[in-house]
C-alpha atoms as a PDB file:
ATOM      1  CA  UNK A   1     113.632 240.084  82.995  1.00  0.00           C
ATOM      2  CA  UNK A   2     110.410 239.334  83.033  1.00  0.00           C
ATOM      3  CA  UNK A   3     109.122 235.702  82.681  1.00  0.00           C
ATOM      4  CA  UNK A   4     108.788 234.255  79.488  1.00  0.00           C
ATOM      5  CA  UNK A   5     105.783 231.606  79.897  1.00  0.00           C
ATOM      6  CA  UNK A   6     103.821 233.636  82.154  1.00  0.00           C
ATOM      7  CA  UNK A   7     104.756 237.698  81.768  1.00  0.00           C
ATOM      8  CA  UNK A   8     103.455 238.145  85.289  1.00  0.00           C
ATOM      9  CA  UNK A   9     106.970 237.408  87.538  1.00  0.00           C
ATOM     10  CA  UNK A  10     110.277 238.669  87.479  1.00  0.00           C
ATOM     11  CA  UNK A  11     112.650 235.882  87.460  1.00  0.00           C
ATOM     12  CA  UNK A  12     114.953 235.449  90.855  1.00  0.00           C
ATOM     13  CA  UNK A  13     118.372 233.863  90.886  1.00  0.00           C
ATOM     14  CA  UNK A  14     118.070 229.750  90.766  1.00  0.00           C
ATOM     15  CA  UNK A  15     121.392 228.454  89.703  1.00  0.00           C
ATOM     16  CA  UNK A  16     124.421 229.040  88.092  1.00  0.00           C
ATOM     17  CA  UNK A  17     126.143 225.697  86.341  1.00  0.00           C
ATOM     18  CA  UNK A  18     129.581 226.530  84.899  1.00  0.00           C
ATOM     19  CA  UNK A  19     129.278 229.753  82.823  1.00  0.00           C
ATOM     20  CA  UNK A  20     125.297 229.386  82.283  1.00  0.00           C
ATOM     21  CA  UNK A  21     122.821 231.224  84.723  1.00  0.00           C
ATOM     22  CA  UNK A  22     119.870 230.174  85.149  1.00  0.00           C
ATOM     23  CA  UNK A  23     116.938 231.870  86.959  1.00  0.00           C
ATOM     24  CA  UNK A  24     113.395 230.548  88.724  1.00  0.00           C
ATOM     25  CA  UNK A  25     109.682 232.298  88.083  1.00  0.00           C
ATOM     26  CA  UNK A  26     108.093 232.479  91.299  1.00  0.00           C
ATOM     27  CA  UNK A  27     104.522 232.897  89.962  1.00  0.00           C
ATOM     28  CA  UNK A  28     104.637 230.063  87.466  1.00  0.00           C
ATOM     29  CA  UNK A  29     107.766 228.120  88.535  1.00  0.00           C
ATOM     30  CA  UNK A  30     109.497 227.993  85.155  1.00  0.00           C
ATOM     31  CA  UNK A  31     112.987 227.750  84.894  1.00  0.00           C
ATOM     32  CA  UNK A  32     114.532 230.045  81.992  1.00  0.00           C
ATOM     33  CA  UNK A  33     118.001 229.687  80.448  1.00  0.00           C
ATOM     34  CA  UNK A  34     119.450 233.334  80.906  1.00  0.00           C
ATOM     35  CA  UNK A  35     119.069 234.218  76.955  1.00  0.00           C
ATOM     36  CA  UNK A  36     122.729 235.950  77.180  1.00  0.00           C
ATOM     37  CA  UNK A  37     122.653 231.957  76.629  1.00  0.00           C
ATOM     38  CA  UNK A  38     120.599 231.403  73.791  1.00  0.00           C
ATOM     39  CA  UNK A  39     122.163 229.743  70.750  1.00  0.00           C
ATOM     40  CA  UNK A  40     121.581 231.397  66.965  1.00  0.00           C
ATOM     41  CA  UNK A  41     118.881 229.658  64.950  1.00  0.00           C
ATOM     42  CA  UNK A  42     121.692 228.937  62.522  1.00  0.00           C
ATOM     43  CA  UNK A  43     123.374 227.059  65.886  1.00  0.00           C
ATOM     44  CA  UNK A  44     120.121 225.509  66.822  1.00  0.00           C
ATOM     45  CA  UNK A  45     119.519 223.967  63.460  1.00  0.00           C
ATOM     46  CA  UNK A  46     122.523 222.297  63.325  1.00  0.00           C
ATOM     47  CA  UNK A  47     122.418 220.206  66.505  1.00  0.00           C
ATOM     48  CA  UNK A  48     119.074 219.655  65.330  1.00  0.00           C
ATOM     49  CA  UNK A  49     120.607 218.366  62.127  1.00  0.00           C
ATOM     50  CA  UNK A  50     122.419 215.636  64.023  1.00  0.00           C
ATOM     51  CA  UNK A  51     119.205 214.052  65.876  1.00  0.00           C
ATOM     52  CA  UNK A  52     118.598 210.839  64.709  1.00  0.00           C
ATOM     53  CA  UNK A  53     113.970 210.409  64.957  1.00  0.00           C
ATOM     54  CA  UNK A  54     113.901 208.136  62.619  1.00  0.00           C
ATOM     55  CA  UNK A  55     109.607 207.714  61.679  1.00  0.00           C
ATOM     56  CA  UNK A  56     110.315 203.816  61.714  1.00  0.00           C
ATOM     57  CA  UNK A  57     112.147 203.615  64.707  1.00  0.00           C
ATOM     58  CA  UNK A  58     110.640 201.153  67.306  1.00  0.00           C
ATOM     59  CA  UNK A  59     112.052 202.853  70.186  1.00  0.00           C
ATOM     60  CA  UNK A  60     111.394 206.476  68.622  1.00  0.00           C
ATOM     61  CA  UNK A  61     107.502 205.163  68.105  1.00  0.00           C
ATOM     62  CA  UNK A  62     107.287 203.771  71.860  1.00  0.00           C
ATOM     63  CA  UNK A  63     108.139 206.775  72.862  1.00  0.00           C
ATOM     64  CA  UNK A  64     106.100 209.024  71.307  1.00  0.00           C
ATOM     65  CA  UNK A  65     103.301 206.409  72.304  1.00  0.00           C
ATOM     66  CA  UNK A  66     103.707 208.299  75.508  1.00  0.00           C
ATOM     67  CA  UNK A  67     101.204 210.991  73.597  1.00  0.00           C
ATOM     68  CA  UNK A  68      99.301 209.631  71.192  1.00  0.00           C
ATOM     69  CA  UNK A  69      98.106 206.412  73.162  1.00  0.00           C
ATOM     70  CA  UNK A  70      95.961 208.987  75.745  1.00  0.00           C
ATOM     71  CA  UNK A  71      95.158 211.084  73.052  1.00  0.00           C
ATOM     72  CA  UNK A  72      93.881 209.214  70.388  1.00  0.00           C
ATOM     73  CA  UNK A  73      91.791 207.097  73.618  1.00  0.00           C
ATOM     74  CA  UNK A  74      90.162 211.035  73.471  1.00  0.00           C
ATOM     75  CA  UNK A  75      89.240 211.903  69.659  1.00  0.00           C
ATOM     76  CA  UNK A  76      86.924 210.985  67.340  1.00  0.00           C
ATOM     77  CA  UNK A  77      87.520 209.139  64.235  1.00  0.00           C
ATOM     78  CA  UNK A  78      89.034 211.291  61.476  1.00  0.00           C
ATOM     79  CA  UNK A  79      90.319 214.259  63.626  1.00  0.00           C
ATOM     80  CA  UNK A  80      92.394 216.490  61.969  1.00  0.00           C
ATOM     81  CA  UNK A  81      95.333 217.827  63.587  1.00  0.00           C
ATOM     82  CA  UNK A  82      98.628 219.931  63.538  1.00  0.00           C
ATOM     83  CA  UNK A  83     102.176 218.375  64.625  1.00  0.00           C
ATOM     84  CA  UNK A  84     103.938 221.666  65.471  1.00  0.00           C
ATOM     85  CA  UNK A  85     107.411 221.219  65.922  1.00  0.00           C
ATOM     86  CA  UNK A  86     107.391 218.122  63.902  1.00  0.00           C
ATOM     87  CA  UNK A  87     110.960 217.954  62.677  1.00  0.00           C
ATOM     88  CA  UNK A  88     112.680 216.497  59.769  1.00  0.00           C
ATOM     89  CA  UNK A  89     110.938 213.311  60.389  1.00  0.00           C
ATOM     90  CA  UNK A  90     107.403 213.330  61.534  1.00  0.00           C
ATOM     91  CA  UNK A  91     107.281 210.605  63.155  1.00  0.00           C
ATOM     92  CA  UNK A  92     103.819 211.134  65.400  1.00  0.00           C
ATOM     93  CA  UNK A  93     101.911 212.639  62.268  1.00  0.00           C
ATOM     94  CA  UNK A  94     102.736 209.019  60.518  1.00  0.00           C
ATOM     95  CA  UNK A  95     101.230 207.458  63.936  1.00  0.00           C
ATOM     96  CA  UNK A  96      98.353 209.203  63.821  1.00  0.00           C
ATOM     97  CA  UNK A  97      97.400 208.745  60.065  1.00  0.00           C
ATOM     98  CA  UNK A  98      97.839 204.953  60.921  1.00  0.00           C
ATOM     99  CA  UNK A  99      95.472 205.578  63.291  1.00  0.00           C
ATOM    100  CA  UNK A 100      92.794 207.409  61.131  1.00  0.00           C
ATOM    101  CA  UNK A 101      93.489 210.527  61.908  1.00  0.00           C
ATOM    102  CA  UNK A 102      94.877 213.558  59.556  1.00  0.00           C
ATOM    103  CA  UNK A 103      97.656 215.645  60.574  1.00  0.00           C
ATOM    104  CA  UNK A 104      99.164 218.724  58.992  1.00  0.00           C
ATOM    105  CA  UNK A 105     102.904 219.738  59.910  1.00  0.00           C
ATOM    106  CA  UNK A 106     104.589 223.034  61.185  1.00  0.00           C
ATOM    107  CA  UNK A 107     108.266 223.343  62.056  1.00  0.00           C
ATOM    108  CA  UNK A 108     109.794 226.655  61.737  1.00  0.00           C
ATOM    109  CA  UNK A 109     112.769 225.238  60.785  1.00  0.00           C
ATOM    110  CA  UNK A 110     112.097 222.037  58.484  1.00  0.00           C
ATOM    111  CA  UNK A 111     108.363 222.717  57.781  1.00  0.00           C
ATOM    112  CA  UNK A 112     108.206 225.963  57.698  1.00  0.00           C
ATOM    113  CA  UNK A 113     104.004 226.326  55.895  1.00  0.00           C
ATOM    114  CA  UNK A 114     102.640 229.412  56.981  1.00  0.00           C
ATOM    115  CA  UNK A 115      99.810 227.855  55.780  1.00  0.00           C
ATOM    116  CA  UNK A 116      99.342 225.375  58.212  1.00  0.00           C
ATOM    117  CA  UNK A 117      99.097 228.253  60.729  1.00  0.00           C
ATOM    118  CA  UNK A 118      96.042 229.935  59.216  1.00  0.00           C
ATOM    119  CA  UNK A 119      93.404 226.890  59.803  1.00  0.00           C
ATOM    120  CA  UNK A 120      91.617 225.841  62.764  1.00  0.00           C
ATOM    121  CA  UNK A 121      92.338 222.295  64.378  1.00  0.00           C
ATOM    122  CA  UNK A 122      90.642 219.352  66.696  1.00  0.00           C
ATOM    123  CA  UNK A 123      93.993 218.596  68.224  1.00  0.00           C
ATOM    124  CA  UNK A 124      97.639 220.126  68.005  1.00  0.00           C
ATOM    125  CA  UNK A 125     100.722 218.074  69.371  1.00  0.00           C
ATOM    126  CA  UNK A 126     103.923 219.388  70.150  1.00  0.00           C
ATOM    127  CA  UNK A 127     106.721 216.717  71.189  1.00  0.00           C
ATOM    128  CA  UNK A 128     109.835 217.378  72.574  1.00  0.00           C
ATOM    129  CA  UNK A 129     108.986 221.308  71.278  1.00  0.00           C
ATOM    130  CA  UNK A 130     108.165 223.831  74.366  1.00  0.00           C
ATOM    131  CA  UNK A 131     111.767 224.089  76.062  1.00  0.00           C
ATOM    132  CA  UNK A 132     113.137 225.220  73.090  1.00  0.00           C
ATOM    133  CA  UNK A 133     110.951 228.157  72.894  1.00  0.00           C
ATOM    134  CA  UNK A 134     112.346 231.751  73.430  1.00  0.00           C
ATOM    135  CA  UNK A 135     108.587 233.042  73.594  1.00  0.00           C
ATOM    136  CA  UNK A 136     106.730 230.733  75.162  1.00  0.00           C
ATOM    137  CA  UNK A 137     103.974 232.934  76.321  1.00  0.00           C
ATOM    138  CA  UNK A 138     103.631 233.641  72.643  1.00  0.00           C
ATOM    139  CA  UNK A 139     103.523 230.770  71.145  1.00  0.00           C
ATOM    140  CA  UNK A 140     100.840 229.180  73.766  1.00  0.00           C
ATOM    141  CA  UNK A 141      98.753 231.984  72.658  1.00  0.00           C
ATOM    142  CA  UNK A 142      99.140 230.918  69.091  1.00  0.00           C
ATOM    143  CA  UNK A 143      98.640 227.234  69.929  1.00  0.00           C
ATOM    144  CA  UNK A 144      95.347 228.221  71.422  1.00  0.00           C
ATOM    145  CA  UNK A 145      94.112 230.181  68.462  1.00  0.00           C
ATOM    146  CA  UNK A 146      94.788 226.882  66.709  1.00  0.00           C
ATOM    147  CA  UNK A 147      92.696 225.347  68.866  1.00  0.00           C
ATOM    148  CA  UNK A 148      88.850 224.478  67.916  1.00  0.00           C
ATOM    149  CA  UNK A 149      86.655 224.418  70.629  1.00  0.00           C
ATOM    150  CA  UNK A 150      86.947 221.705  72.560  1.00  0.00           C
ATOM    151  CA  UNK A 151      90.067 220.990  70.842  1.00  0.00           C
ATOM    152  CA  UNK A 152      92.711 219.082  72.544  1.00  0.00           C
ATOM    153  CA  UNK A 153      96.603 219.886  72.606  1.00  0.00           C
ATOM    154  CA  UNK A 154      98.875 217.312  73.621  1.00  0.00           C
ATOM    155  CA  UNK A 155     102.263 218.479  75.423  1.00  0.00           C
ATOM    156  CA  UNK A 156     105.802 216.294  75.862  1.00  0.00           C
ATOM    157  CA  UNK A 157     108.163 217.395  77.669  1.00  0.00           C
ATOM    158  CA  UNK A 158     110.342 216.080  80.823  1.00  0.00           C
ATOM    159  CA  UNK A 159     109.296 218.142  83.744  1.00  0.00           C
ATOM    160  CA  UNK A 160     111.636 219.672  86.161  1.00  0.00           C
ATOM    161  CA  UNK A 161     111.236 218.200  89.610  1.00  0.00           C
ATOM    162  CA  UNK A 162     114.482 217.960  91.407  1.00  0.00           C
ATOM    163  CA  UNK A 163     116.551 220.995  92.002  1.00  0.00           C
ATOM    164  CA  UNK A 164     119.516 218.895  93.469  1.00  0.00           C
ATOM    165  CA  UNK A 165     119.807 217.109  90.278  1.00  0.00           C
ATOM    166  CA  UNK A 166     119.406 220.126  87.727  1.00  0.00           C
ATOM    167  CA  UNK A 167     122.711 220.745  87.632  1.00  0.00           C
ATOM    168  CA  UNK A 168     124.092 217.021  85.646  1.00  0.00           C
ATOM    169  CA  UNK A 169     120.239 217.104  84.443  1.00  0.00           C
ATOM    170  CA  UNK A 170     120.236 215.115  80.855  1.00  0.00           C
ATOM    171  CA  UNK A 171     117.867 217.743  79.358  1.00  0.00           C
ATOM    172  CA  UNK A 172     119.347 221.009  80.702  1.00  0.00           C
ATOM    173  CA  UNK A 173     122.795 220.074  78.805  1.00  0.00           C
ATOM    174  CA  UNK A 174     121.070 219.996  75.543  1.00  0.00           C
ATOM    175  CA  UNK A 175     122.149 223.512  74.663  1.00  0.00           C
ATOM    176  CA  UNK A 176     118.930 224.320  72.646  1.00  0.00           C
ATOM    177  CA  UNK A 177     116.261 223.777  76.159  1.00  0.00           C
ATOM    178  CA  UNK A 178     116.032 227.035  77.057  1.00  0.00           C
ATOM    179  CA  UNK A 179     112.585 226.849  79.535  1.00  0.00           C
ATOM    180  CA  UNK A 180     112.067 223.952  82.036  1.00  0.00           C
ATOM    181  CA  UNK A 181     108.788 223.453  83.189  1.00  0.00           C
ATOM    182  CA  UNK A 182     106.930 221.793  86.031  1.00  0.00           C
ATOM    183  CA  UNK A 183     103.344 220.594  86.717  1.00  0.00           C
ATOM    184  CA  UNK A 184     102.949 223.843  88.132  1.00  0.00           C
ATOM    185  CA  UNK A 185     103.765 225.271  85.191  1.00  0.00           C
ATOM    186  CA  UNK A 186     101.347 223.497  82.858  1.00  0.00           C
ATOM    187  CA  UNK A 187      98.691 223.891  85.857  1.00  0.00           C
ATOM    188  CA  UNK A 188      99.256 228.330  85.601  1.00  0.00           C
ATOM    189  CA  UNK A 189      99.168 227.761  81.642  1.00  0.00           C
ATOM    190  CA  UNK A 190      95.605 225.965  81.694  1.00  0.00           C
ATOM    191  CA  UNK A 191      94.240 228.845  84.617  1.00  0.00           C
ATOM    192  CA  UNK A 192      95.890 231.201  82.703  1.00  0.00           C
ATOM    193  CA  UNK A 193      93.600 230.454  79.638  1.00  0.00           C
ATOM    194  CA  UNK A 194      90.935 228.757  80.606  1.00  0.00           C
ATOM    195  CA  UNK A 195      91.950 225.041  79.524  1.00  0.00           C
ATOM    196  CA  UNK A 196      90.716 222.079  81.619  1.00  0.00           C
ATOM    197  CA  UNK A 197      94.408 219.819  82.158  1.00  0.00           C
ATOM    198  CA  UNK A 198      95.552 216.409  82.760  1.00  0.00           C
ATOM    199  CA  UNK A 199      99.162 214.164  82.988  1.00  0.00           C
ATOM    200  CA  UNK A 200      98.015 210.982  81.714  1.00  0.00           C
ATOM    201  CA  UNK A 201     101.267 209.516  82.103  1.00  0.00           C
ATOM    202  CA  UNK A 202     104.676 211.102  83.438  1.00  0.00           C
ATOM    203  CA  UNK A 203     105.542 214.464  80.863  1.00  0.00           C
ATOM    204  CA  UNK A 204     102.417 214.524  79.320  1.00  0.00           C
ATOM    205  CA  UNK A 205     100.087 217.035  79.428  1.00  0.00           C
ATOM    206  CA  UNK A 206      96.523 216.871  77.398  1.00  0.00           C
ATOM    207  CA  UNK A 207      94.222 220.728  77.634  1.00  0.00           C
ATOM    208  CA  UNK A 208      91.509 220.852  76.838  1.00  0.00           C
ATOM    209  CA  UNK A 209      90.034 224.254  75.332  1.00  0.00           C
ATOM    210  CA  UNK A 210      86.417 224.654  76.319  1.00  0.00           C
END
Protein backbone atom coordinates (compact mmCIF):
# COMPACT_ATOMS: atom_id res chain seq x y z
CA UNK A 1 0.00 0.00 0.00
CA UNK A 2 1.27 3.47 -0.92
CA UNK A 3 1.35 6.04 1.88
CA UNK A 4 -1.91 8.05 1.85
CA UNK A 5 -0.09 11.15 3.15
CA UNK A 6 2.83 11.53 0.74
CA UNK A 7 1.97 8.96 -1.95
CA UNK A 8 5.69 8.49 -2.43
CA UNK A 9 6.55 5.54 -0.24
CA UNK A 10 5.45 1.95 0.16
CA UNK A 11 4.23 1.42 3.71
CA UNK A 12 6.26 -0.92 5.88
CA UNK A 13 5.10 -3.09 8.75
CA UNK A 14 5.10 -1.21 12.08
CA UNK A 15 2.95 -2.74 14.83
CA UNK A 16 -0.01 -5.03 15.39
CA UNK A 17 -2.19 -4.08 18.37
CA UNK A 18 -4.52 -6.99 19.08
CA UNK A 19 -6.14 -7.50 15.66
CA UNK A 20 -5.37 -4.05 14.24
CA UNK A 21 -2.40 -3.63 11.92
CA UNK A 22 -0.43 -0.37 11.55
CA UNK A 23 2.21 0.53 8.98
CA UNK A 24 4.88 3.23 8.78
CA UNK A 25 5.92 5.30 5.78
CA UNK A 26 9.71 5.41 5.36
CA UNK A 27 9.48 8.70 3.46
CA UNK A 28 7.22 11.01 5.52
CA UNK A 29 7.14 8.90 8.74
CA UNK A 30 3.34 8.79 8.94
CA UNK A 31 1.79 5.83 10.76
CA UNK A 32 -1.30 4.39 9.09
CA UNK A 33 -3.99 1.98 10.23
CA UNK A 34 -4.61 -0.82 7.73
CA UNK A 35 -7.73 0.12 5.70
CA UNK A 36 -9.31 -3.22 6.55
CA UNK A 37 -9.94 -1.76 10.02
CA UNK A 38 -11.39 1.59 8.94
CA UNK A 39 -14.95 2.29 10.00
CA UNK A 40 -17.76 3.00 7.59
CA UNK A 41 -19.06 6.59 7.41
CA UNK A 42 -22.14 5.49 9.32
CA UNK A 43 -20.01 4.00 12.11
CA UNK A 44 -17.88 7.14 12.23
CA UNK A 45 -20.94 9.36 12.54
CA UNK A 46 -22.23 7.30 15.47
CA UNK A 47 -18.98 7.96 17.35
CA UNK A 48 -18.87 11.66 16.46
CA UNK A 49 -22.41 12.05 17.79
CA UNK A 50 -21.10 10.94 21.20
CA UNK A 51 -18.59 13.82 21.39
CA UNK A 52 -19.54 16.52 23.86
CA UNK A 53 -17.52 19.49 22.63
CA UNK A 54 -19.83 22.31 23.66
CA UNK A 55 -18.83 25.73 22.27
CA UNK A 56 -19.23 27.37 25.68
CA UNK A 57 -17.27 24.79 27.66
CA UNK A 58 -14.28 26.59 29.28
CA UNK A 59 -12.04 23.53 29.15
CA UNK A 60 -12.72 22.94 25.47
CA UNK A 61 -12.07 26.60 24.70
CA UNK A 62 -8.73 26.43 26.57
CA UNK A 63 -7.83 23.41 24.48
CA UNK A 64 -8.66 25.22 21.23
CA UNK A 65 -6.74 28.32 22.34
CA UNK A 66 -3.53 26.37 21.65
CA UNK A 67 -4.34 27.07 18.00
CA UNK A 68 -6.39 30.25 18.11
CA UNK A 69 -3.89 32.32 20.12
CA UNK A 70 -0.85 31.89 17.82
CA UNK A 71 -3.09 32.08 14.75
CA UNK A 72 -4.65 35.38 15.81
CA UNK A 73 -1.20 36.81 16.51
CA UNK A 74 -0.37 36.31 12.82
CA UNK A 75 -3.63 37.41 11.16
CA UNK A 76 -4.72 40.90 10.13
CA UNK A 77 -7.90 42.31 11.61
CA UNK A 78 -11.05 41.19 9.82
CA UNK A 79 -9.48 38.19 8.06
CA UNK A 80 -11.87 35.64 6.55
CA UNK A 81 -11.31 31.98 7.31
CA UNK A 82 -12.74 28.49 6.99
CA UNK A 83 -13.16 26.05 9.87
CA UNK A 84 -12.61 22.81 7.94
CA UNK A 85 -14.06 19.84 9.82
CA UNK A 86 -15.78 22.09 12.33
CA UNK A 87 -17.98 19.40 13.87
CA UNK A 88 -21.49 19.94 15.25
CA UNK A 89 -20.54 22.75 17.66
CA UNK A 90 -18.10 25.12 15.94
CA UNK A 91 -16.44 26.52 19.06
CA UNK A 92 -13.27 27.55 17.28
CA UNK A 93 -15.22 29.59 14.73
CA UNK A 94 -17.00 31.43 17.55
CA UNK A 95 -13.69 32.18 19.25
CA UNK A 96 -12.21 33.56 16.04
CA UNK A 97 -15.33 35.63 15.36
CA UNK A 98 -15.20 37.08 18.87
CA UNK A 99 -11.69 38.29 17.97
CA UNK A 100 -12.96 40.13 14.89
CA UNK A 101 -12.56 37.47 12.20
CA UNK A 102 -15.25 36.09 9.90
CA UNK A 103 -15.43 32.31 9.61
CA UNK A 104 -17.21 29.97 7.21
CA UNK A 105 -17.94 26.36 8.17
CA UNK A 106 -17.43 23.04 6.44
CA UNK A 107 -17.81 19.51 7.77
CA UNK A 108 -18.79 16.48 5.68
CA UNK A 109 -21.03 15.17 8.46
CA UNK A 110 -22.39 18.25 10.23
CA UNK A 111 -21.98 21.21 7.83
CA UNK A 112 -21.79 19.74 4.31
CA UNK A 113 -21.85 23.10 2.54
CA UNK A 114 -20.12 22.66 -0.85
CA UNK A 115 -20.24 26.40 -1.52
CA UNK A 116 -17.78 26.88 1.36
CA UNK A 117 -15.23 25.02 -0.77
CA UNK A 118 -15.72 27.37 -3.74
CA UNK A 119 -13.93 30.31 -2.09
CA UNK A 120 -10.40 31.19 -1.08
CA UNK A 121 -9.54 32.23 2.47
CA UNK A 122 -7.03 34.19 4.49
CA UNK A 123 -6.81 31.25 6.87
CA UNK A 124 -8.09 27.69 7.27
CA UNK A 125 -8.25 25.74 10.52
CA UNK A 126 -8.23 21.95 11.00
CA UNK A 127 -8.53 21.03 14.66
CA UNK A 128 -8.51 17.32 15.44
CA UNK A 129 -9.33 16.54 11.80
CA UNK A 130 -6.32 15.25 9.88
CA UNK A 131 -6.02 12.05 11.93
CA UNK A 132 -9.47 11.00 10.61
CA UNK A 133 -8.66 11.43 6.92
CA UNK A 134 -8.68 8.36 4.68
CA UNK A 135 -7.12 10.33 1.80
CA UNK A 136 -5.01 13.01 3.48
CA UNK A 137 -2.87 13.72 0.41
CA UNK A 138 -5.95 14.80 -1.55
CA UNK A 139 -7.28 16.85 1.35
CA UNK A 140 -4.02 18.74 1.87
CA UNK A 141 -4.01 19.61 -1.84
CA UNK A 142 -7.57 20.88 -1.40
CA UNK A 143 -6.57 22.94 1.63
CA UNK A 144 -3.75 24.48 -0.39
CA UNK A 145 -6.27 25.44 -3.08
CA UNK A 146 -8.55 27.02 -0.47
CA UNK A 147 -5.81 29.33 0.81
CA UNK A 148 -5.08 32.71 -0.70
CA UNK A 149 -1.42 33.48 -1.41
CA UNK A 150 0.11 34.30 1.97
CA UNK A 151 -2.73 32.51 3.76
CA UNK A 152 -2.31 30.46 6.93
CA UNK A 153 -3.35 26.86 7.62
CA UNK A 154 -3.60 25.92 11.30
CA UNK A 155 -3.54 22.20 12.11
CA UNK A 156 -3.97 20.62 15.54
CA UNK A 157 -3.33 16.90 16.00
CA UNK A 158 -1.40 14.86 18.56
CA UNK A 159 2.04 14.04 17.18
CA UNK A 160 3.02 10.38 17.32
CA UNK A 161 6.50 10.49 18.85
CA UNK A 162 7.00 7.46 21.10
CA UNK A 163 6.75 4.07 19.39
CA UNK A 164 7.11 2.25 22.70
CA UNK A 165 3.85 3.81 23.96
CA UNK A 166 1.89 3.52 20.71
CA UNK A 167 -0.18 0.48 21.66
CA UNK A 168 -1.62 2.12 24.80
CA UNK A 169 -1.70 5.68 23.46
CA UNK A 170 -5.12 7.29 23.98
CA UNK A 171 -5.04 8.77 20.48
CA UNK A 172 -4.55 5.37 18.89
CA UNK A 173 -7.46 3.90 20.85
CA UNK A 174 -9.99 6.14 19.07
CA UNK A 175 -11.21 3.88 16.23
CA UNK A 176 -11.86 6.89 13.97
CA UNK A 177 -8.16 7.84 14.04
CA UNK A 178 -6.50 6.21 11.04
CA UNK A 179 -3.39 8.34 10.33
CA UNK A 180 -0.84 9.58 12.86
CA UNK A 181 1.64 12.33 12.11
CA UNK A 182 5.07 13.27 13.39
CA UNK A 183 6.60 16.71 13.12
CA UNK A 184 8.71 15.21 10.33
CA UNK A 185 5.50 14.29 8.48
CA UNK A 186 4.32 17.88 8.68
CA UNK A 187 7.72 19.07 7.47
CA UNK A 188 7.43 16.74 4.47
CA UNK A 189 4.01 18.23 3.65
CA UNK A 190 5.35 21.76 3.97
CA UNK A 191 8.25 21.01 1.66
CA UNK A 192 6.01 19.24 -0.85
CA UNK A 193 3.53 22.12 -1.04
CA UNK A 194 6.19 24.84 -0.74
CA UNK A 195 4.72 26.13 2.51
CA UNK A 196 6.67 27.57 5.39
CA UNK A 197 6.00 25.85 8.71
CA UNK A 198 6.28 26.57 12.41
CA UNK A 199 5.24 24.69 15.55
CA UNK A 200 4.25 27.42 18.05
CA UNK A 201 3.13 24.96 20.74
CA UNK A 202 2.98 21.19 21.16
CA UNK A 203 0.72 19.44 18.62
CA UNK A 204 -0.04 22.63 16.66
CA UNK A 205 1.36 23.44 13.23
CA UNK A 206 1.00 26.69 11.32
CA UNK A 207 1.66 26.54 7.59
CA UNK A 208 1.89 29.62 5.38
CA UNK A 209 1.26 29.47 1.65
CA UNK A 210 3.75 31.56 -0.35
